All heavy atoms as atom14 arrays in JSON, in Angstrom:
{
  "sequence": "QKLEEGMEKAKQQGIRVKALILINPQNPLGEVYSPHL",
  "atom14_mask": [
    [1, 1, 1, 1, 1, 1, 1, 1, 1, 0, 0, 0, 0, 0],
    [1, 1, 1, 1, 1, 1, 1, 1, 1, 0, 0, 0, 0, 0],
    [1, 1, 1, 1, 1, 1, 1, 1, 0, 0, 0, 0, 0, 0],
    [1, 1, 1, 1, 1, 1, 1, 1, 1, 0, 0, 0, 0, 0],
    [1, 1, 1, 1, 1, 1, 1, 1, 1, 0, 0, 0, 0, 0],
    [1, 1, 1, 1, 0, 0, 0, 0, 0, 0, 0, 0, 0, 0],
    [1, 1, 1, 1, 1, 1, 1, 1, 0, 0, 0, 0, 0, 0],
    [1, 1, 1, 1, 1, 1, 1, 1, 1, 0, 0, 0, 0, 0],
    [1, 1, 1, 1, 1, 1, 1, 1, 1, 0, 0, 0, 0, 0],
    [1, 1, 1, 1, 1, 0, 0, 0, 0, 0, 0, 0, 0, 0],
    [1, 1, 1, 1, 1, 1, 1, 1, 1, 0, 0, 0, 0, 0],
    [1, 1, 1, 1, 1, 1, 1, 1, 1, 0, 0, 0, 0, 0],
    [1, 1, 1, 1, 1, 1, 1, 1, 1, 0, 0, 0, 0, 0],
    [1, 1, 1, 1, 0, 0, 0, 0, 0, 0, 0, 0, 0, 0],
    [1, 1, 1, 1, 1, 1, 1, 1, 0, 0, 0, 0, 0, 0],
    [1, 1, 1, 1, 1, 1, 1, 1, 1, 1, 1, 0, 0, 0],
    [1, 1, 1, 1, 1, 1, 1, 0, 0, 0, 0, 0, 0, 0],
    [1, 1, 1, 1, 1, 1, 1, 1, 1, 0, 0, 0, 0, 0],
    [1, 1, 1, 1, 1, 0, 0, 0, 0, 0, 0, 0, 0, 0],
    [1, 1, 1, 1, 1, 1, 1, 1, 0, 0, 0, 0, 0, 0],
    [1, 1, 1, 1, 1, 1, 1, 1, 0, 0, 0, 0, 0, 0],
    [1, 1, 1, 1, 1, 1, 1, 1, 0, 0, 0, 0, 0, 0],
    [1, 1, 1, 1, 1, 1, 1, 1, 0, 0, 0, 0, 0, 0],
    [1, 1, 1, 1, 1, 1, 1, 1, 0, 0, 0, 0, 0, 0],
    [1, 1, 1, 1, 1, 1, 1, 0, 0, 0, 0, 0, 0, 0],
    [1, 1, 1, 1, 1, 1, 1, 1, 1, 0, 0, 0, 0, 0],
    [1, 1, 1, 1, 1, 1, 1, 1, 0, 0, 0, 0, 0, 0],
    [1, 1, 1, 1, 1, 1, 1, 0, 0, 0, 0, 0, 0, 0],
    [1, 1, 1, 1, 1, 1, 1, 1, 0, 0, 0, 0, 0, 0],
    [1, 1, 1, 1, 0, 0, 0, 0, 0, 0, 0, 0, 0, 0],
    [1, 1, 1, 1, 1, 1, 1, 1, 1, 0, 0, 0, 0, 0],
    [1, 1, 1, 1, 1, 1, 1, 0, 0, 0, 0, 0, 0, 0],
    [1, 1, 1, 1, 1, 1, 1, 1, 1, 1, 1, 1, 0, 0],
    [1, 1, 1, 1, 1, 1, 0, 0, 0, 0, 0, 0, 0, 0],
    [1, 1, 1, 1, 1, 1, 1, 0, 0, 0, 0, 0, 0, 0],
    [1, 1, 1, 1, 1, 1, 1, 1, 1, 1, 0, 0, 0, 0],
    [1, 1, 1, 1, 1, 1, 1, 1, 0, 0, 0, 0, 0, 0]
  ],
  "atom14_positions": [
    [[-60.64, 13.36, 5.76], [-60.54, 14.64, 6.27], [-60.83, 15.71, 5.26], [-61.54, 16.69, 5.68], [-59.05, 14.88, 6.96], [-58.86, 16.18, 7.55], [-59.81, 16.55, 8.71], [-60.13, 15.71, 9.41], [-60.35, 17.84, 8.78], [0.0, 0.0, 0.0], [0.0, 0.0, 0.0], [0.0, 0.0, 0.0], [0.0, 0.0, 0.0], [0.0, 0.0, 0.0]],
    [[-60.4, 15.57, 4.07], [-60.57, 16.51, 2.99], [-62.12, 16.58, 2.73], [-62.69, 17.66, 2.42], [-59.72, 16.36, 1.85], [-58.25, 16.52, 2.07], [-57.45, 16.18, 0.88], [-56.06, 16.39, 1.21], [-55.07, 16.06, 0.03], [0.0, 0.0, 0.0], [0.0, 0.0, 0.0], [0.0, 0.0, 0.0], [0.0, 0.0, 0.0], [0.0, 0.0, 0.0]],
    [[-62.78, 15.37, 2.7], [-64.09, 15.3, 2.41], [-64.92, 16.0, 3.71], [-66.0, 16.72, 3.3], [-64.66, 13.89, 2.25], [-64.18, 13.15, 0.94], [-64.62, 11.75, 0.99], [-64.59, 13.88, -0.25], [0.0, 0.0, 0.0], [0.0, 0.0, 0.0], [0.0, 0.0, 0.0], [0.0, 0.0, 0.0], [0.0, 0.0, 0.0], [0.0, 0.0, 0.0]],
    [[-64.51, 15.86, 4.72], [-65.04, 16.46, 5.9], [-65.05, 18.1, 5.71], [-66.01, 18.76, 5.97], [-64.45, 16.01, 7.16], [-64.69, 14.64, 7.58], [-66.03, 14.36, 8.14], [-66.84, 15.35, 8.22], [-66.35, 13.23, 8.66], [0.0, 0.0, 0.0], [0.0, 0.0, 0.0], [0.0, 0.0, 0.0], [0.0, 0.0, 0.0], [0.0, 0.0, 0.0]],
    [[-63.85, 18.64, 5.39], [-63.71, 19.91, 5.09], [-64.56, 20.46, 4.03], [-65.1, 21.58, 4.08], [-62.23, 20.26, 4.82], [-61.24, 19.95, 5.95], [-59.72, 20.01, 5.58], [-59.58, 20.19, 4.3], [-58.96, 19.81, 6.38], [0.0, 0.0, 0.0], [0.0, 0.0, 0.0], [0.0, 0.0, 0.0], [0.0, 0.0, 0.0], [0.0, 0.0, 0.0]],
    [[-64.81, 19.58, 2.99], [-65.74, 20.02, 1.98], [-67.15, 20.11, 2.56], [-67.87, 21.07, 2.07], [0.0, 0.0, 0.0], [0.0, 0.0, 0.0], [0.0, 0.0, 0.0], [0.0, 0.0, 0.0], [0.0, 0.0, 0.0], [0.0, 0.0, 0.0], [0.0, 0.0, 0.0], [0.0, 0.0, 0.0], [0.0, 0.0, 0.0], [0.0, 0.0, 0.0]],
    [[-67.58, 19.16, 3.28], [-68.87, 19.25, 3.91], [-69.07, 20.59, 4.63], [-70.18, 21.29, 4.75], [-69.24, 18.13, 4.69], [-69.31, 16.87, 3.94], [-70.85, 16.82, 2.89], [-72.13, 16.89, 4.12], [0.0, 0.0, 0.0], [0.0, 0.0, 0.0], [0.0, 0.0, 0.0], [0.0, 0.0, 0.0], [0.0, 0.0, 0.0], [0.0, 0.0, 0.0]],
    [[-67.99, 20.9, 5.46], [-68.02, 22.08, 6.31], [-68.14, 23.42, 5.4], [-68.83, 24.31, 5.79], [-66.79, 22.22, 7.25], [-66.7, 23.4, 8.15], [-67.84, 23.42, 9.01], [-68.4, 22.44, 9.52], [-68.27, 24.56, 9.35], [0.0, 0.0, 0.0], [0.0, 0.0, 0.0], [0.0, 0.0, 0.0], [0.0, 0.0, 0.0], [0.0, 0.0, 0.0]],
    [[-67.42, 23.37, 4.36], [-67.44, 24.45, 3.34], [-68.87, 24.66, 2.85], [-69.41, 25.73, 2.72], [-66.4, 24.34, 2.28], [-66.49, 25.33, 1.22], [-65.35, 25.15, 0.18], [-65.59, 24.06, -0.63], [-64.55, 24.01, -1.87], [0.0, 0.0, 0.0], [0.0, 0.0, 0.0], [0.0, 0.0, 0.0], [0.0, 0.0, 0.0], [0.0, 0.0, 0.0]],
    [[-69.43, 23.55, 2.46], [-70.85, 23.62, 1.98], [-71.83, 24.18, 2.93], [-72.65, 24.97, 2.59], [-71.21, 22.22, 1.55], [0.0, 0.0, 0.0], [0.0, 0.0, 0.0], [0.0, 0.0, 0.0], [0.0, 0.0, 0.0], [0.0, 0.0, 0.0], [0.0, 0.0, 0.0], [0.0, 0.0, 0.0], [0.0, 0.0, 0.0], [0.0, 0.0, 0.0]],
    [[-71.59, 23.83, 4.26], [-72.45, 24.28, 5.23], [-72.32, 25.72, 5.39], [-73.37, 26.37, 5.6], [-72.07, 23.55, 6.62], [-72.95, 24.05, 7.78], [-72.47, 23.21, 9.03], [-73.27, 23.78, 10.35], [-72.74, 22.93, 11.43], [0.0, 0.0, 0.0], [0.0, 0.0, 0.0], [0.0, 0.0, 0.0], [0.0, 0.0, 0.0], [0.0, 0.0, 0.0]],
    [[-71.13, 26.19, 5.36], [-70.88, 27.7, 5.53], [-71.42, 28.49, 4.33], [-71.87, 29.56, 4.44], [-69.31, 27.99, 5.56], [-68.73, 27.43, 6.83], [-67.22, 27.56, 6.79], [-66.65, 28.07, 5.87], [-66.54, 27.19, 7.88], [0.0, 0.0, 0.0], [0.0, 0.0, 0.0], [0.0, 0.0, 0.0], [0.0, 0.0, 0.0], [0.0, 0.0, 0.0]],
    [[-71.55, 27.8, 3.13], [-72.0, 28.47, 1.98], [-73.59, 28.24, 1.9], [-74.25, 28.72, 0.87], [-71.31, 27.92, 0.67], [-69.97, 28.26, 0.64], [-69.33, 27.63, -0.58], [-69.9, 26.6, -1.2], [-67.97, 27.97, -1.04], [0.0, 0.0, 0.0], [0.0, 0.0, 0.0], [0.0, 0.0, 0.0], [0.0, 0.0, 0.0], [0.0, 0.0, 0.0]],
    [[-74.19, 27.58, 2.79], [-75.64, 27.4, 2.82], [-76.07, 26.35, 1.74], [-77.25, 26.44, 1.33], [0.0, 0.0, 0.0], [0.0, 0.0, 0.0], [0.0, 0.0, 0.0], [0.0, 0.0, 0.0], [0.0, 0.0, 0.0], [0.0, 0.0, 0.0], [0.0, 0.0, 0.0], [0.0, 0.0, 0.0], [0.0, 0.0, 0.0], [0.0, 0.0, 0.0]],
    [[-75.24, 25.51, 1.33], [-75.49, 24.49, 0.24], [-75.8, 23.14, 1.02], [-75.1, 22.64, 1.76], [-74.29, 24.26, -0.67], [-74.02, 25.56, -1.44], [-74.68, 23.2, -1.78], [-72.84, 25.47, -2.23], [0.0, 0.0, 0.0], [0.0, 0.0, 0.0], [0.0, 0.0, 0.0], [0.0, 0.0, 0.0], [0.0, 0.0, 0.0], [0.0, 0.0, 0.0]],
    [[-76.91, 22.56, 0.74], [-77.33, 21.19, 1.11], [-76.71, 20.1, 0.14], [-77.19, 19.97, -0.95], [-78.82, 21.0, 1.15], [-79.29, 19.74, 1.82], [-80.73, 19.55, 1.56], [-81.26, 18.26, 2.07], [-82.39, 17.71, 1.85], [-83.23, 18.36, 0.98], [-82.74, 16.55, 2.37], [0.0, 0.0, 0.0], [0.0, 0.0, 0.0], [0.0, 0.0, 0.0]],
    [[-75.68, 19.38, 0.64], [-75.11, 18.41, -0.23], [-75.88, 17.15, -0.08], [-76.29, 16.55, 0.96], [-73.63, 18.1, 0.43], [-73.04, 16.99, -0.39], [-72.78, 19.34, 0.19], [0.0, 0.0, 0.0], [0.0, 0.0, 0.0], [0.0, 0.0, 0.0], [0.0, 0.0, 0.0], [0.0, 0.0, 0.0], [0.0, 0.0, 0.0], [0.0, 0.0, 0.0]],
    [[-76.22, 16.57, -1.22], [-77.06, 15.36, -1.36], [-76.23, 14.11, -1.89], [-76.72, 13.03, -1.78], [-78.2, 15.52, -2.24], [-79.31, 16.48, -1.63], [-80.04, 15.88, -0.5], [-80.81, 14.66, -0.88], [-81.94, 14.91, -1.69], [0.0, 0.0, 0.0], [0.0, 0.0, 0.0], [0.0, 0.0, 0.0], [0.0, 0.0, 0.0], [0.0, 0.0, 0.0]],
    [[-75.07, 14.38, -2.57], [-74.49, 13.3, -3.12], [-72.89, 13.52, -3.23], [-72.45, 14.67, -3.22], [-74.91, 13.14, -4.61], [0.0, 0.0, 0.0], [0.0, 0.0, 0.0], [0.0, 0.0, 0.0], [0.0, 0.0, 0.0], [0.0, 0.0, 0.0], [0.0, 0.0, 0.0], [0.0, 0.0, 0.0], [0.0, 0.0, 0.0], [0.0, 0.0, 0.0]],
    [[-72.21, 12.39, -3.06], [-70.73, 12.39, -3.4], [-70.57, 11.61, -4.67], [-71.02, 10.57, -4.88], [-70.08, 11.6, -2.28], [-68.62, 11.26, -2.47], [-67.72, 12.47, -2.5], [-68.17, 10.26, -1.25], [0.0, 0.0, 0.0], [0.0, 0.0, 0.0], [0.0, 0.0, 0.0], [0.0, 0.0, 0.0], [0.0, 0.0, 0.0], [0.0, 0.0, 0.0]],
    [[-69.76, 12.35, -5.58], [-69.52, 11.77, -6.87], [-68.09, 11.44, -7.06], [-67.16, 12.35, -6.81], [-69.96, 12.62, -8.03], [-71.48, 12.98, -8.02], [-69.55, 12.19, -9.45], [-71.87, 13.87, -9.05], [0.0, 0.0, 0.0], [0.0, 0.0, 0.0], [0.0, 0.0, 0.0], [0.0, 0.0, 0.0], [0.0, 0.0, 0.0], [0.0, 0.0, 0.0]],
    [[-67.8, 10.2, -7.31], [-66.39, 9.69, -7.39], [-66.25, 9.07, -8.75], [-67.06, 8.35, -9.26], [-65.98, 8.77, -6.29], [-66.02, 9.18, -4.88], [-65.77, 7.98, -3.94], [-65.14, 10.36, -4.59], [0.0, 0.0, 0.0], [0.0, 0.0, 0.0], [0.0, 0.0, 0.0], [0.0, 0.0, 0.0], [0.0, 0.0, 0.0], [0.0, 0.0, 0.0]],
    [[-65.16, 9.3, -9.54], [-64.76, 8.76, -10.66], [-63.66, 7.7, -10.31], [-62.51, 8.18, -9.87], [-64.27, 9.7, -11.79], [-65.4, 10.81, -11.89], [-64.07, 8.97, -13.08], [-64.88, 11.96, -12.81], [0.0, 0.0, 0.0], [0.0, 0.0, 0.0], [0.0, 0.0, 0.0], [0.0, 0.0, 0.0], [0.0, 0.0, 0.0], [0.0, 0.0, 0.0]],
    [[-63.79, 6.44, -10.66], [-62.76, 5.47, -10.34], [-62.57, 4.51, -11.4], [-63.59, 3.76, -11.76], [-63.13, 4.8, -9.06], [-62.04, 3.72, -8.51], [-60.81, 4.05, -8.73], [-62.47, 2.61, -7.87], [0.0, 0.0, 0.0], [0.0, 0.0, 0.0], [0.0, 0.0, 0.0], [0.0, 0.0, 0.0], [0.0, 0.0, 0.0], [0.0, 0.0, 0.0]],
    [[-61.42, 4.4, -12.14], [-60.25, 5.21, -12.01], [-60.58, 6.67, -12.15], [-61.43, 7.11, -13.03], [-59.27, 4.64, -13.09], [-59.81, 3.26, -13.42], [-61.26, 3.35, -13.31], [0.0, 0.0, 0.0], [0.0, 0.0, 0.0], [0.0, 0.0, 0.0], [0.0, 0.0, 0.0], [0.0, 0.0, 0.0], [0.0, 0.0, 0.0], [0.0, 0.0, 0.0]],
    [[-59.75, 7.53, -11.44], [-60.09, 8.97, -11.48], [-59.65, 9.66, -12.71], [-58.61, 9.36, -13.39], [-59.28, 9.61, -10.3], [-59.97, 10.74, -9.56], [-59.85, 12.07, -10.32], [-58.96, 12.28, -11.23], [-60.49, 13.07, -9.75], [0.0, 0.0, 0.0], [0.0, 0.0, 0.0], [0.0, 0.0, 0.0], [0.0, 0.0, 0.0], [0.0, 0.0, 0.0]],
    [[-60.51, 10.59, -13.15], [-60.27, 11.33, -14.4], [-60.21, 12.86, -13.99], [-61.16, 13.37, -13.45], [-61.29, 11.16, -15.4], [-61.22, 11.97, -16.62], [-60.09, 12.5, -16.97], [-62.31, 12.15, -17.43], [0.0, 0.0, 0.0], [0.0, 0.0, 0.0], [0.0, 0.0, 0.0], [0.0, 0.0, 0.0], [0.0, 0.0, 0.0], [0.0, 0.0, 0.0]],
    [[-59.01, 13.51, -14.13], [-57.98, 13.16, -14.95], [-56.63, 12.56, -14.23], [-55.62, 12.44, -14.98], [-57.47, 14.52, -15.48], [-57.74, 15.46, -14.43], [-59.02, 14.95, -13.71], [0.0, 0.0, 0.0], [0.0, 0.0, 0.0], [0.0, 0.0, 0.0], [0.0, 0.0, 0.0], [0.0, 0.0, 0.0], [0.0, 0.0, 0.0], [0.0, 0.0, 0.0]],
    [[-56.66, 12.35, -12.93], [-55.52, 11.91, -12.26], [-54.97, 10.6, -12.65], [-53.88, 10.28, -12.58], [-55.73, 11.95, -10.86], [-56.03, 13.34, -10.17], [-56.4, 13.13, -8.66], [-54.96, 14.36, -10.41], [0.0, 0.0, 0.0], [0.0, 0.0, 0.0], [0.0, 0.0, 0.0], [0.0, 0.0, 0.0], [0.0, 0.0, 0.0], [0.0, 0.0, 0.0]],
    [[-55.89, 9.68, -12.97], [-55.52, 8.27, -13.36], [-55.39, 7.36, -12.11], [-54.98, 6.3, -12.21], [0.0, 0.0, 0.0], [0.0, 0.0, 0.0], [0.0, 0.0, 0.0], [0.0, 0.0, 0.0], [0.0, 0.0, 0.0], [0.0, 0.0, 0.0], [0.0, 0.0, 0.0], [0.0, 0.0, 0.0], [0.0, 0.0, 0.0], [0.0, 0.0, 0.0]],
    [[-55.64, 7.99, -10.92], [-55.53, 7.2, -9.79], [-56.61, 6.14, -9.63], [-57.83, 6.34, -9.94], [-55.59, 8.09, -8.54], [-55.47, 7.4, -7.23], [-55.6, 8.26, -5.91], [-55.87, 9.5, -6.2], [-55.42, 7.89, -4.88], [0.0, 0.0, 0.0], [0.0, 0.0, 0.0], [0.0, 0.0, 0.0], [0.0, 0.0, 0.0], [0.0, 0.0, 0.0]],
    [[-56.26, 4.95, -9.09], [-57.27, 3.85, -8.91], [-57.31, 3.95, -7.26], [-56.45, 3.69, -6.59], [-56.71, 2.48, -9.34], [-57.6, 1.37, -8.79], [-56.63, 2.54, -10.87], [0.0, 0.0, 0.0], [0.0, 0.0, 0.0], [0.0, 0.0, 0.0], [0.0, 0.0, 0.0], [0.0, 0.0, 0.0], [0.0, 0.0, 0.0], [0.0, 0.0, 0.0]],
    [[-58.67, 4.06, -6.85], [-58.82, 4.06, -5.3], [-58.76, 2.63, -4.84], [-59.13, 1.66, -5.37], [-60.22, 4.62, -5.09], [-60.5, 6.06, -5.49], [-61.75, 6.49, -6.03], [-59.46, 6.93, -5.32], [-61.8, 7.79, -6.34], [-59.71, 8.3, -5.57], [-60.9, 8.76, -6.13], [-61.02, 10.07, -6.38], [0.0, 0.0, 0.0], [0.0, 0.0, 0.0]],
    [[-58.07, 2.56, -3.67], [-57.78, 1.38, -2.97], [-59.17, 0.93, -2.41], [-60.04, 1.82, -2.09], [-56.78, 1.47, -1.95], [-57.28, 2.34, -0.86], [0.0, 0.0, 0.0], [0.0, 0.0, 0.0], [0.0, 0.0, 0.0], [0.0, 0.0, 0.0], [0.0, 0.0, 0.0], [0.0, 0.0, 0.0], [0.0, 0.0, 0.0], [0.0, 0.0, 0.0]],
    [[-59.31, -0.43, -2.07], [-60.49, -0.85, -1.45], [-60.8, -0.14, -0.08], [-61.81, 0.13, 0.35], [-60.26, -2.34, -1.27], [-59.28, -2.69, -2.36], [-58.45, -1.52, -2.52], [0.0, 0.0, 0.0], [0.0, 0.0, 0.0], [0.0, 0.0, 0.0], [0.0, 0.0, 0.0], [0.0, 0.0, 0.0], [0.0, 0.0, 0.0], [0.0, 0.0, 0.0]],
    [[-59.67, 0.07, 0.65], [-59.77, 0.75, 1.92], [-60.3, 2.13, 1.76], [-61.22, 2.51, 2.59], [-58.36, 0.81, 2.58], [-58.42, 1.53, 3.88], [-59.02, 0.98, 4.97], [-57.77, 2.78, 4.31], [-58.9, 1.78, 6.06], [-58.14, 2.81, 5.56], [0.0, 0.0, 0.0], [0.0, 0.0, 0.0], [0.0, 0.0, 0.0], [0.0, 0.0, 0.0]],
    [[-59.8, 2.99, 0.76], [-60.27, 4.23, 0.65], [-61.71, 4.33, 0.17], [-62.47, 5.14, 0.56], [-59.4, 5.06, -0.35], [-59.85, 6.44, -0.77], [-59.85, 7.39, 0.51], [-58.86, 7.01, -1.79], [0.0, 0.0, 0.0], [0.0, 0.0, 0.0], [0.0, 0.0, 0.0], [0.0, 0.0, 0.0], [0.0, 0.0, 0.0], [0.0, 0.0, 0.0]]
  ]
}
């Protein structure tokens, strides 16, 4: 849902999003993304 909100924000700003960048394990949070996520 938060990613969807990010896409909507980009649309409102007139930005064409071409990529999703994920760091896993996440830096700086240290979170490890689950297979489901």
